[in-house]
Amino acid sequence: MEKIKFKLNGKDEIFEGDLSSRLLDVLRDDFRLTGVKCGCKEGECGACAVLIDKKLVNSCMVAMGAIDGSEIISIEGFKETERFKVLDRAFAELSAVQCGFCTPGMVLAAEALLSENPHPTEEEVRIGISGNLCRCTGYNAIVNAILKASKEGNGLW
């Protein structure tokens, strides 16, 4: 059994287990990071999204053997940042959250987008979150929240 070393939410971690285990399951079961949701297990819904080396990735599609040396940020780690506070406030003010199941993945998708493009257009936001499904809001409120965060967080991204 190999040891997988990685950084999780800023903390050095070691995984000793089945290297084919899904990152999603390890995050939820071993690290109790329940903000990472199990939606489809097929990489289609984005509910399990995390940032791996600053890139948005569906954790249900990643084997633990693939993350050696990587830095992983879940919503639990991201919520400690100023960027999260801006996104959180915008999502709340524009009622971009209904049931909340998609919200952690959607917020991380917004972070990934804004990190690469701090001032996206509406179309760019829609493309940026296109890998995240929401069954409640119809997306308009989410898109508007991300645009609002982009303006209010000017300089953070």
C-alpha atoms as a PDB file:
ATOM      1  CA  MET A   1       0.000   0.000   0.000  1.00  0.00           C
ATOM      2  CA  GLU A   2       1.426   3.345  -1.043  1.00  0.00           C
ATOM      3  CA  LYS A   3       1.128   6.585   0.838  1.00  0.00           C
ATOM      4  CA  ILE A   4      -0.450   9.463  -1.016  1.00  0.00           C
ATOM      5  CA  LYS A   5       0.674  12.856   0.268  1.00  0.00           C
ATOM      6  CA  PHE A   6      -1.369  15.916  -0.537  1.00  0.00           C
ATOM      7  CA  LYS A   7      -2.482  19.233   0.905  1.00  0.00           C
ATOM      8  CA  LEU A   8      -6.138  19.526   1.890  1.00  0.00           C
ATOM      9  CA  ASN A   9      -7.515  22.948   2.749  1.00  0.00           C
ATOM     10  CA  GLY A  10      -4.019  24.137   3.618  1.00  0.00           C
ATOM     11  CA  LYS A  11      -3.062  21.143   5.769  1.00  0.00           C
ATOM     12  CA  ASP A  12      -0.630  18.375   4.842  1.00  0.00           C
ATOM     13  CA  GLU A  13      -2.374  15.002   4.718  1.00  0.00           C
ATOM     14  CA  ILE A  14      -1.458  11.390   4.022  1.00  0.00           C
ATOM     15  CA  PHE A  15      -3.804   8.771   2.580  1.00  0.00           C
ATOM     16  CA  GLU A  16      -3.020   5.096   3.073  1.00  0.00           C
ATOM     17  CA  GLY A  17      -5.682   3.049   1.394  1.00  0.00           C
ATOM     18  CA  ASP A  18      -6.983   1.806  -1.903  1.00  0.00           C
ATOM     19  CA  LEU A  19      -5.503   4.057  -4.566  1.00  0.00           C
ATOM     20  CA  SER A  20      -8.583   3.502  -6.723  1.00  0.00           C
ATOM     21  CA  SER A  21     -10.845   5.017  -4.042  1.00  0.00           C
ATOM     22  CA  ARG A  22     -12.694   8.058  -5.307  1.00  0.00           C
ATOM     23  CA  LEU A  23     -11.554  11.396  -3.932  1.00  0.00           C
ATOM     24  CA  LEU A  24     -15.237  12.204  -3.313  1.00  0.00           C
ATOM     25  CA  ASP A  25     -15.654   9.251  -0.965  1.00  0.00           C
ATOM     26  CA  VAL A  26     -12.395   9.877   0.877  1.00  0.00           C
ATOM     27  CA  LEU A  27     -13.236  13.553   1.416  1.00  0.00           C
ATOM     28  CA  ARG A  28     -16.693  12.729   2.756  1.00  0.00           C
ATOM     29  CA  ASP A  29     -15.997   9.519   4.664  1.00  0.00           C
ATOM     30  CA  ASP A  30     -12.431   9.928   5.923  1.00  0.00           C
ATOM     31  CA  PHE A  31     -12.203  13.702   6.300  1.00  0.00           C
ATOM     32  CA  ARG A  32     -15.911  14.401   7.012  1.00  0.00           C
ATOM     33  CA  LEU A  33     -16.049  17.195   4.433  1.00  0.00           C
ATOM     34  CA  THR A  34     -19.758  16.992   3.722  1.00  0.00           C
ATOM     35  CA  GLY A  35     -19.858  20.145   1.602  1.00  0.00           C
ATOM     36  CA  VAL A  36     -18.613  17.871  -1.180  1.00  0.00           C
ATOM     37  CA  LYS A  37     -21.908  16.356  -2.353  1.00  0.00           C
ATOM     38  CA  CYS A  38     -22.474  13.029  -4.070  1.00  0.00           C
ATOM     39  CA  GLY A  39     -24.890  13.834  -6.864  1.00  0.00           C
ATOM     40  CA  CYS A  40     -24.406  11.679  -9.925  1.00  0.00           C
ATOM     41  CA  LYS A  41     -21.144   9.714  -9.524  1.00  0.00           C
ATOM     42  CA  GLU A  42     -20.558  10.309 -13.253  1.00  0.00           C
ATOM     43  CA  GLY A  43     -18.911  13.734 -13.408  1.00  0.00           C
ATOM     44  CA  GLU A  44     -22.026  15.375 -14.828  1.00  0.00           C
ATOM     45  CA  CYS A  45     -23.559  17.475 -12.054  1.00  0.00           C
ATOM     46  CA  GLY A  46     -20.712  19.345 -10.339  1.00  0.00           C
ATOM     47  CA  ALA A  47     -22.064  18.789  -6.820  1.00  0.00           C
ATOM     48  CA  CYS A  48     -18.779  17.144  -5.826  1.00  0.00           C
ATOM     49  CA  ALA A  49     -16.574  19.882  -7.288  1.00  0.00           C
ATOM     50  CA  VAL A  50     -13.327  20.787  -5.572  1.00  0.00           C
ATOM     51  CA  LEU A  51     -10.298  22.771  -6.638  1.00  0.00           C
ATOM     52  CA  ILE A  52      -7.276  20.616  -7.406  1.00  0.00           C
ATOM     53  CA  ASP A  53      -4.195  22.718  -7.973  1.00  0.00           C
ATOM     54  CA  LYS A  54      -6.571  25.681  -8.514  1.00  0.00           C
ATOM     55  CA  LYS A  55      -8.564  23.912 -11.262  1.00  0.00           C
ATOM     56  CA  LEU A  56     -12.232  22.969 -10.855  1.00  0.00           C
ATOM     57  CA  VAL A  57     -12.578  19.173 -10.846  1.00  0.00           C
ATOM     58  CA  ASN A  58     -15.419  16.775 -10.113  1.00  0.00           C
ATOM     59  CA  SER A  59     -14.040  14.679  -7.267  1.00  0.00           C
ATOM     60  CA  CYS A  60     -16.202  11.685  -8.197  1.00  0.00           C
ATOM     61  CA  MET A  61     -13.997  11.211 -11.256  1.00  0.00           C
ATOM     62  CA  VAL A  62     -10.636  11.312  -9.460  1.00  0.00           C
ATOM     63  CA  ALA A  63      -8.883   8.294  -7.973  1.00  0.00           C
ATOM     64  CA  MET A  64      -6.799   8.901  -4.880  1.00  0.00           C
ATOM     65  CA  GLY A  65      -3.751   7.612  -6.719  1.00  0.00           C
ATOM     66  CA  ALA A  66      -3.961  10.640  -9.018  1.00  0.00           C
ATOM     67  CA  ILE A  67      -3.672  13.324  -6.332  1.00  0.00           C
ATOM     68  CA  ASP A  68      -0.218  12.642  -4.935  1.00  0.00           C
ATOM     69  CA  GLY A  69       1.461  16.014  -4.367  1.00  0.00           C
ATOM     70  CA  SER A  70      -1.665  18.004  -5.231  1.00  0.00           C
ATOM     71  CA  GLU A  71      -3.359  20.806  -3.351  1.00  0.00           C
ATOM     72  CA  ILE A  72      -7.089  20.291  -2.825  1.00  0.00           C
ATOM     73  CA  ILE A  73      -9.509  22.969  -1.685  1.00  0.00           C
ATOM     74  CA  SER A  74     -13.058  22.031  -0.734  1.00  0.00           C
ATOM     75  CA  ILE A  75     -15.819  24.467   0.127  1.00  0.00           C
ATOM     76  CA  GLU A  76     -14.844  24.033   3.786  1.00  0.00           C
ATOM     77  CA  GLY A  77     -11.382  25.414   3.060  1.00  0.00           C
ATOM     78  CA  PHE A  78     -12.557  28.067   0.631  1.00  0.00           C
ATOM     79  CA  LYS A  79     -15.079  29.478   3.124  1.00  0.00           C
ATOM     80  CA  GLU A  80     -12.181  30.849   5.168  1.00  0.00           C
ATOM     81  CA  THR A  81     -11.203  33.302   2.423  1.00  0.00           C
ATOM     82  CA  GLU A  82     -12.211  36.876   1.637  1.00  0.00           C
ATOM     83  CA  ARG A  83     -13.227  35.752  -1.838  1.00  0.00           C
ATOM     84  CA  PHE A  84     -15.757  33.359  -0.327  1.00  0.00           C
ATOM     85  CA  LYS A  85     -17.223  36.147   1.792  1.00  0.00           C
ATOM     86  CA  VAL A  86     -17.866  38.256  -1.310  1.00  0.00           C
ATOM     87  CA  LEU A  87     -19.474  35.336  -3.171  1.00  0.00           C
ATOM     88  CA  ASP A  88     -21.483  34.294  -0.095  1.00  0.00           C
ATOM     89  CA  ARG A  89     -22.873  37.790   0.353  1.00  0.00           C
ATOM     90  CA  ALA A  90     -23.793  38.091  -3.349  1.00  0.00           C
ATOM     91  CA  PHE A  91     -25.471  34.661  -3.404  1.00  0.00           C
ATOM     92  CA  ALA A  92     -27.482  35.582  -0.285  1.00  0.00           C
ATOM     93  CA  GLU A  93     -28.473  39.072  -1.464  1.00  0.00           C
ATOM     94  CA  LEU A  94     -29.683  37.828  -4.849  1.00  0.00           C
ATOM     95  CA  SER A  95     -31.376  34.662  -3.534  1.00  0.00           C
ATOM     96  CA  ALA A  96     -29.088  32.459  -5.615  1.00  0.00           C
ATOM     97  CA  VAL A  97     -29.539  29.589  -3.156  1.00  0.00           C
ATOM     98  CA  GLN A  98     -32.654  27.528  -2.818  1.00  0.00           C
ATOM     99  CA  CYS A  99     -32.222  23.918  -1.694  1.00  0.00           C
ATOM    100  CA  GLY A 100     -28.453  24.432  -1.401  1.00  0.00           C
ATOM    101  CA  PHE A 101     -27.346  21.053  -2.764  1.00  0.00           C
ATOM    102  CA  CYS A 102     -25.498  22.553  -5.737  1.00  0.00           C
ATOM    103  CA  THR A 103     -24.234  25.625  -3.896  1.00  0.00           C
ATOM    104  CA  PRO A 104     -20.790  24.402  -2.746  1.00  0.00           C
ATOM    105  CA  GLY A 105     -19.891  23.244  -6.257  1.00  0.00           C
ATOM    106  CA  MET A 106     -21.405  26.357  -7.801  1.00  0.00           C
ATOM    107  CA  VAL A 107     -19.405  28.638  -5.493  1.00  0.00           C
ATOM    108  CA  LEU A 108     -16.191  26.784  -6.343  1.00  0.00           C
ATOM    109  CA  ALA A 109     -17.058  27.036 -10.046  1.00  0.00           C
ATOM    110  CA  ALA A 110     -17.464  30.789  -9.546  1.00  0.00           C
ATOM    111  CA  GLU A 111     -14.088  30.934  -7.800  1.00  0.00           C
ATOM    112  CA  ALA A 112     -12.406  29.025 -10.625  1.00  0.00           C
ATOM    113  CA  LEU A 113     -13.979  31.337 -13.201  1.00  0.00           C
ATOM    114  CA  LEU A 114     -13.192  34.579 -11.378  1.00  0.00           C
ATOM    115  CA  SER A 115      -9.621  33.443 -10.709  1.00  0.00           C
ATOM    116  CA  GLU A 116      -9.035  33.234 -14.449  1.00  0.00           C
ATOM    117  CA  ASN A 117     -11.373  36.043 -15.523  1.00  0.00           C
ATOM    118  CA  PRO A 118     -12.092  38.588 -12.757  1.00  0.00           C
ATOM    119  CA  HIS A 119     -14.625  40.510 -14.870  1.00  0.00           C
ATOM    120  CA  PRO A 120     -16.583  37.992 -16.947  1.00  0.00           C
ATOM    121  CA  THR A 121     -19.553  38.759 -19.134  1.00  0.00           C
ATOM    122  CA  GLU A 122     -22.896  37.100 -18.495  1.00  0.00           C
ATOM    123  CA  GLU A 123     -22.171  34.606 -21.276  1.00  0.00           C
ATOM    124  CA  GLU A 124     -18.757  33.796 -19.792  1.00  0.00           C
ATOM    125  CA  VAL A 125     -20.358  33.175 -16.395  1.00  0.00           C
ATOM    126  CA  ARG A 126     -22.921  30.841 -17.945  1.00  0.00           C
ATOM    127  CA  ILE A 127     -20.140  28.927 -19.687  1.00  0.00           C
ATOM    128  CA  GLY A 128     -18.060  28.916 -16.493  1.00  0.00           C
ATOM    129  CA  ILE A 129     -20.795  27.262 -14.443  1.00  0.00           C
ATOM    130  CA  SER A 130     -22.071  25.018 -17.226  1.00  0.00           C
ATOM    131  CA  GLY A 131     -20.626  21.912 -15.553  1.00  0.00           C
ATOM    132  CA  ASN A 132     -22.751  22.496 -12.460  1.00  0.00           C
ATOM    133  CA  LEU A 133     -26.402  21.541 -12.448  1.00  0.00           C
ATOM    134  CA  CYS A 134     -29.043  23.322 -10.382  1.00  0.00           C
ATOM    135  CA  ARG A 135     -32.583  22.007 -10.259  1.00  0.00           C
ATOM    136  CA  CYS A 136     -34.074  24.911  -8.308  1.00  0.00           C
ATOM    137  CA  THR A 137     -33.025  28.397  -9.367  1.00  0.00           C
ATOM    138  CA  GLY A 138     -33.060  28.466 -13.144  1.00  0.00           C
ATOM    139  CA  TYR A 139     -29.496  29.865 -13.025  1.00  0.00           C
ATOM    140  CA  ASN A 140     -30.363  33.561 -13.487  1.00  0.00           C
ATOM    141  CA  ALA A 141     -29.922  34.391  -9.810  1.00  0.00           C
ATOM    142  CA  ILE A 142     -26.644  32.445  -9.689  1.00  0.00           C
ATOM    143  CA  VAL A 143     -25.304  34.220 -12.767  1.00  0.00           C
ATOM    144  CA  ASN A 144     -26.311  37.606 -11.355  1.00  0.00           C
ATOM    145  CA  ALA A 145     -24.690  36.759  -8.007  1.00  0.00           C
ATOM    146  CA  ILE A 146     -21.408  35.887  -9.685  1.00  0.00           C
ATOM    147  CA  LEU A 147     -21.505  39.106 -11.704  1.00  0.00           C
ATOM    148  CA  LYS A 148     -22.234  41.072  -8.520  1.00  0.00           C
ATOM    149  CA  ALA A 149     -19.364  39.362  -6.692  1.00  0.00           C
ATOM    150  CA  SER A 150     -17.084  40.184  -9.608  1.00  0.00           C
ATOM    151  CA  LYS A 151     -17.869  43.882  -9.201  1.00  0.00           C
ATOM    152  CA  GLU A 152     -17.863  43.988  -5.393  1.00  0.00           C
ATOM    153  CA  GLY A 153     -14.735  41.876  -5.074  1.00  0.00           C
ATOM    154  CA  ASN A 154     -12.802  44.019  -7.511  1.00  0.00           C
ATOM    155  CA  GLY A 155      -9.143  43.398  -6.776  1.00  0.00           C
ATOM    156  CA  LEU A 156      -9.641  40.114  -4.926  1.00  0.00           C
ATOM    157  CA  TRP A 157      -9.466  38.075  -8.107  1.00  0.00           C
END
